[in-house]
């Protein structure tokens, strides 16, 4: 019995003496693993969904990083990239709100507005890992850079 008391005391002391940074990295590891599962499910679901042509043109948003936005402004939007299902009026959400709402793996820095012409083949699905009932689109063909309407930096409230 004394052995188990000593073992418990040693384990308790070891847990209390662990640095906070290691505990944070453990939670980041679990979050990365969960996001990896969601992205794999999303990829499989997108592959199984049939692309249908849009009946009329539509404007959509795409949340991304600065470097990716610069690349897309130069070369266009590659196939299978995720976009919102529609646009709404008003100012853009903060970066962390957009990340949680749309289930993004990284905090976005830029919101791009893209014009999808009528006849563009798109897959329509619900966002995985984001807010319930939020839709997303993925195009099965490349969009030219001329379809990029606007880029807007997002405010990050993290200080």
C-alpha atoms as a PDB file:
ATOM      1  CA  UNK A   1       0.000   0.000   0.000  1.00  0.00           C
ATOM      2  CA  UNK A   2       2.873   2.368   0.784  1.00  0.00           C
ATOM      3  CA  UNK A   3       4.283   1.692  -2.680  1.00  0.00           C
ATOM      4  CA  UNK A   4       1.080   2.921  -4.362  1.00  0.00           C
ATOM      5  CA  UNK A   5       1.008   6.069  -2.190  1.00  0.00           C
ATOM      6  CA  UNK A   6       4.566   6.894  -3.199  1.00  0.00           C
ATOM      7  CA  UNK A   7       3.819   6.138  -6.841  1.00  0.00           C
ATOM      8  CA  UNK A   8       0.744   8.387  -6.703  1.00  0.00           C
ATOM      9  CA  UNK A   9       2.728  11.174  -5.059  1.00  0.00           C
ATOM     10  CA  UNK A  10       5.476  10.920  -7.698  1.00  0.00           C
ATOM     11  CA  UNK A  11       2.942  10.958 -10.548  1.00  0.00           C
ATOM     12  CA  UNK A  12       1.112  13.926  -9.031  1.00  0.00           C
ATOM     13  CA  UNK A  13       4.376  15.830  -8.632  1.00  0.00           C
ATOM     14  CA  UNK A  14       5.363  15.022 -12.221  1.00  0.00           C
ATOM     15  CA  UNK A  15       2.027  16.251 -13.565  1.00  0.00           C
ATOM     16  CA  UNK A  16       2.186  19.473 -11.559  1.00  0.00           C
ATOM     17  CA  UNK A  17       5.762  20.140 -12.647  1.00  0.00           C
ATOM     18  CA  UNK A  18       5.089  19.783 -16.403  1.00  0.00           C
ATOM     19  CA  UNK A  19       5.576  23.045 -18.252  1.00  0.00           C
ATOM     20  CA  UNK A  20       2.482  24.703 -19.655  1.00  0.00           C
ATOM     21  CA  UNK A  21       4.041  24.733 -23.152  1.00  0.00           C
ATOM     22  CA  UNK A  22       4.006  20.944 -23.310  1.00  0.00           C
ATOM     23  CA  UNK A  23       0.345  20.855 -22.351  1.00  0.00           C
ATOM     24  CA  UNK A  24      -0.389  23.356 -25.117  1.00  0.00           C
ATOM     25  CA  UNK A  25       1.517  21.355 -27.692  1.00  0.00           C
ATOM     26  CA  UNK A  26      -0.459  18.260 -26.706  1.00  0.00           C
ATOM     27  CA  UNK A  27      -3.742  20.054 -27.398  1.00  0.00           C
ATOM     28  CA  UNK A  28      -2.354  21.305 -30.725  1.00  0.00           C
ATOM     29  CA  UNK A  29      -1.479  17.729 -31.646  1.00  0.00           C
ATOM     30  CA  UNK A  30      -5.038  16.572 -30.946  1.00  0.00           C
ATOM     31  CA  UNK A  31      -6.465  19.525 -32.884  1.00  0.00           C
ATOM     32  CA  UNK A  32      -4.223  18.741 -35.874  1.00  0.00           C
ATOM     33  CA  UNK A  33      -5.287  15.097 -35.834  1.00  0.00           C
ATOM     34  CA  UNK A  34      -8.975  16.074 -35.706  1.00  0.00           C
ATOM     35  CA  UNK A  35      -8.539  18.547 -38.583  1.00  0.00           C
ATOM     36  CA  UNK A  36      -6.716  15.894 -40.603  1.00  0.00           C
ATOM     37  CA  UNK A  37      -9.679  13.523 -40.203  1.00  0.00           C
ATOM     38  CA  UNK A  38     -12.110  16.247 -41.277  1.00  0.00           C
ATOM     39  CA  UNK A  39     -10.031  17.114 -44.345  1.00  0.00           C
ATOM     40  CA  UNK A  40      -9.875  13.454 -45.397  1.00  0.00           C
ATOM     41  CA  UNK A  41     -13.656  13.104 -45.024  1.00  0.00           C
ATOM     42  CA  UNK A  42     -14.126  16.334 -46.973  1.00  0.00           C
ATOM     43  CA  UNK A  43     -11.879  15.155 -49.809  1.00  0.00           C
ATOM     44  CA  UNK A  44     -13.716  11.827 -50.077  1.00  0.00           C
ATOM     45  CA  UNK A  45     -17.123  13.511 -50.010  1.00  0.00           C
ATOM     46  CA  UNK A  46     -16.122  16.056 -52.665  1.00  0.00           C
ATOM     47  CA  UNK A  47     -14.871  13.254 -54.928  1.00  0.00           C
ATOM     48  CA  UNK A  48     -18.214  11.450 -54.596  1.00  0.00           C
ATOM     49  CA  UNK A  49     -20.349  14.546 -55.293  1.00  0.00           C
ATOM     50  CA  UNK A  50     -21.274  15.218 -58.913  1.00  0.00           C
ATOM     51  CA  UNK A  51     -20.485  18.643 -60.351  1.00  0.00           C
ATOM     52  CA  UNK A  52     -23.476  20.514 -61.780  1.00  0.00           C
ATOM     53  CA  UNK A  53     -23.338  23.640 -63.956  1.00  0.00           C
ATOM     54  CA  UNK A  54     -24.581  26.868 -62.412  1.00  0.00           C
ATOM     55  CA  UNK A  55     -27.850  28.133 -63.892  1.00  0.00           C
ATOM     56  CA  UNK A  56     -26.786  31.776 -63.505  1.00  0.00           C
ATOM     57  CA  UNK A  57     -23.652  33.632 -62.485  1.00  0.00           C
ATOM     58  CA  UNK A  58     -22.858  33.959 -58.799  1.00  0.00           C
ATOM     59  CA  UNK A  59     -20.374  35.742 -56.558  1.00  0.00           C
ATOM     60  CA  UNK A  60     -18.672  33.745 -53.826  1.00  0.00           C
ATOM     61  CA  UNK A  61     -15.965  34.312 -51.236  1.00  0.00           C
ATOM     62  CA  UNK A  62     -12.765  32.423 -50.657  1.00  0.00           C
ATOM     63  CA  UNK A  63     -10.847  32.774 -47.391  1.00  0.00           C
ATOM     64  CA  UNK A  64      -7.110  32.223 -47.736  1.00  0.00           C
ATOM     65  CA  UNK A  65      -3.614  33.390 -46.781  1.00  0.00           C
ATOM     66  CA  UNK A  66      -1.760  36.338 -48.329  1.00  0.00           C
ATOM     67  CA  UNK A  67       0.685  34.186 -50.294  1.00  0.00           C
ATOM     68  CA  UNK A  68      -2.077  31.951 -51.656  1.00  0.00           C
ATOM     69  CA  UNK A  69      -4.158  35.014 -52.599  1.00  0.00           C
ATOM     70  CA  UNK A  70      -1.228  36.494 -54.532  1.00  0.00           C
ATOM     71  CA  UNK A  71      -0.739  33.191 -56.367  1.00  0.00           C
ATOM     72  CA  UNK A  72      -4.454  32.982 -57.219  1.00  0.00           C
ATOM     73  CA  UNK A  73      -4.539  36.597 -58.425  1.00  0.00           C
ATOM     74  CA  UNK A  74      -1.737  35.759 -60.846  1.00  0.00           C
ATOM     75  CA  UNK A  75      -2.704  32.264 -62.053  1.00  0.00           C
ATOM     76  CA  UNK A  76      -6.400  31.915 -61.212  1.00  0.00           C
ATOM     77  CA  UNK A  77      -8.219  29.556 -58.876  1.00  0.00           C
ATOM     78  CA  UNK A  78      -7.238  25.905 -59.189  1.00  0.00           C
ATOM     79  CA  UNK A  79      -9.901  23.174 -59.340  1.00  0.00           C
ATOM     80  CA  UNK A  80     -11.229  21.647 -56.093  1.00  0.00           C
ATOM     81  CA  UNK A  81     -10.604  24.800 -54.032  1.00  0.00           C
ATOM     82  CA  UNK A  82     -13.278  25.591 -51.484  1.00  0.00           C
ATOM     83  CA  UNK A  83     -15.438  28.712 -51.651  1.00  0.00           C
ATOM     84  CA  UNK A  84     -18.493  29.899 -49.757  1.00  0.00           C
ATOM     85  CA  UNK A  85     -21.865  29.161 -51.311  1.00  0.00           C
ATOM     86  CA  UNK A  86     -22.877  32.824 -51.525  1.00  0.00           C
ATOM     87  CA  UNK A  87     -22.004  36.346 -50.457  1.00  0.00           C
ATOM     88  CA  UNK A  88     -23.862  38.587 -48.054  1.00  0.00           C
ATOM     89  CA  UNK A  89     -23.828  42.281 -47.340  1.00  0.00           C
ATOM     90  CA  UNK A  90     -21.807  43.849 -44.586  1.00  0.00           C
ATOM     91  CA  UNK A  91     -18.283  43.914 -43.358  1.00  0.00           C
ATOM     92  CA  UNK A  92     -16.253  40.742 -43.333  1.00  0.00           C
ATOM     93  CA  UNK A  93     -15.978  38.664 -40.181  1.00  0.00           C
ATOM     94  CA  UNK A  94     -12.763  38.593 -38.201  1.00  0.00           C
ATOM     95  CA  UNK A  95     -10.217  35.957 -39.168  1.00  0.00           C
ATOM     96  CA  UNK A  96     -10.997  33.718 -36.197  1.00  0.00           C
ATOM     97  CA  UNK A  97     -14.767  33.969 -36.785  1.00  0.00           C
ATOM     98  CA  UNK A  98     -14.319  32.967 -40.438  1.00  0.00           C
ATOM     99  CA  UNK A  99     -12.075  30.080 -39.416  1.00  0.00           C
ATOM    100  CA  UNK A 100     -14.654  28.679 -36.994  1.00  0.00           C
ATOM    101  CA  UNK A 101     -17.678  29.404 -39.219  1.00  0.00           C
ATOM    102  CA  UNK A 102     -16.270  27.745 -42.344  1.00  0.00           C
ATOM    103  CA  UNK A 103     -14.151  25.046 -40.635  1.00  0.00           C
ATOM    104  CA  UNK A 104     -10.840  26.285 -42.048  1.00  0.00           C
ATOM    105  CA  UNK A 105      -7.605  24.530 -41.006  1.00  0.00           C
ATOM    106  CA  UNK A 106      -5.645  27.828 -40.807  1.00  0.00           C
ATOM    107  CA  UNK A 107      -6.645  31.310 -39.791  1.00  0.00           C
ATOM    108  CA  UNK A 108      -7.312  33.243 -43.035  1.00  0.00           C
ATOM    109  CA  UNK A 109      -5.723  36.593 -43.793  1.00  0.00           C
ATOM    110  CA  UNK A 110      -7.560  37.571 -46.995  1.00  0.00           C
ATOM    111  CA  UNK A 111     -11.134  37.310 -48.263  1.00  0.00           C
ATOM    112  CA  UNK A 112     -11.310  37.054 -52.043  1.00  0.00           C
ATOM    113  CA  UNK A 113     -14.501  37.670 -54.004  1.00  0.00           C
ATOM    114  CA  UNK A 114     -14.802  35.480 -57.090  1.00  0.00           C
ATOM    115  CA  UNK A 115     -17.379  35.653 -59.895  1.00  0.00           C
ATOM    116  CA  UNK A 116     -18.568  32.261 -61.112  1.00  0.00           C
ATOM    117  CA  UNK A 117     -20.100  32.607 -64.590  1.00  0.00           C
ATOM    118  CA  UNK A 118     -23.218  30.698 -65.588  1.00  0.00           C
ATOM    119  CA  UNK A 119     -22.395  27.163 -66.679  1.00  0.00           C
ATOM    120  CA  UNK A 120     -19.424  26.771 -64.313  1.00  0.00           C
ATOM    121  CA  UNK A 121     -19.467  23.167 -63.005  1.00  0.00           C
ATOM    122  CA  UNK A 122     -19.527  23.222 -59.175  1.00  0.00           C
ATOM    123  CA  UNK A 123     -20.026  20.750 -56.354  1.00  0.00           C
ATOM    124  CA  UNK A 124     -22.306  21.969 -53.576  1.00  0.00           C
ATOM    125  CA  UNK A 125     -21.884  20.522 -50.066  1.00  0.00           C
ATOM    126  CA  UNK A 126     -22.128  21.464 -46.411  1.00  0.00           C
ATOM    127  CA  UNK A 127     -19.039  22.621 -44.532  1.00  0.00           C
ATOM    128  CA  UNK A 128     -17.410  19.921 -42.400  1.00  0.00           C
ATOM    129  CA  UNK A 129     -15.942  21.107 -39.110  1.00  0.00           C
ATOM    130  CA  UNK A 130     -17.627  24.501 -39.271  1.00  0.00           C
ATOM    131  CA  UNK A 131     -20.948  25.980 -38.222  1.00  0.00           C
ATOM    132  CA  UNK A 132     -24.015  23.800 -38.843  1.00  0.00           C
ATOM    133  CA  UNK A 133     -25.919  24.463 -42.057  1.00  0.00           C
ATOM    134  CA  UNK A 134     -23.175  26.462 -43.780  1.00  0.00           C
ATOM    135  CA  UNK A 135     -22.659  25.581 -47.443  1.00  0.00           C
ATOM    136  CA  UNK A 136     -19.560  25.470 -49.607  1.00  0.00           C
ATOM    137  CA  UNK A 137     -18.791  25.176 -53.298  1.00  0.00           C
ATOM    138  CA  UNK A 138     -15.879  23.591 -55.131  1.00  0.00           C
ATOM    139  CA  UNK A 139     -15.306  24.098 -58.830  1.00  0.00           C
ATOM    140  CA  UNK A 140     -14.197  21.186 -60.978  1.00  0.00           C
ATOM    141  CA  UNK A 141     -12.411  23.465 -63.433  1.00  0.00           C
ATOM    142  CA  UNK A 142      -9.884  26.276 -63.106  1.00  0.00           C
ATOM    143  CA  UNK A 143     -11.214  29.815 -62.804  1.00  0.00           C
ATOM    144  CA  UNK A 144      -9.192  32.442 -64.686  1.00  0.00           C
ATOM    145  CA  UNK A 145      -7.680  35.379 -62.764  1.00  0.00           C
ATOM    146  CA  UNK A 146     -10.089  37.735 -64.588  1.00  0.00           C
ATOM    147  CA  UNK A 147     -12.910  36.280 -62.435  1.00  0.00           C
ATOM    148  CA  UNK A 148     -11.283  37.607 -59.260  1.00  0.00           C
ATOM    149  CA  UNK A 149     -13.402  40.628 -58.339  1.00  0.00           C
ATOM    150  CA  UNK A 150     -11.790  41.848 -55.116  1.00  0.00           C
ATOM    151  CA  UNK A 151      -9.420  40.969 -52.296  1.00  0.00           C
ATOM    152  CA  UNK A 152      -9.930  42.288 -48.788  1.00  0.00           C
ATOM    153  CA  UNK A 153      -7.622  41.831 -45.791  1.00  0.00           C
ATOM    154  CA  UNK A 154      -9.246  40.414 -42.668  1.00  0.00           C
ATOM    155  CA  UNK A 155      -8.731  41.874 -39.228  1.00  0.00           C
ATOM    156  CA  UNK A 156      -7.224  39.578 -36.679  1.00  0.00           C
ATOM    157  CA  UNK A 157      -8.276  40.447 -33.137  1.00  0.00           C
ATOM    158  CA  UNK A 158      -5.564  38.255 -31.651  1.00  0.00           C
ATOM    159  CA  UNK A 159      -2.935  40.437 -29.983  1.00  0.00           C
END
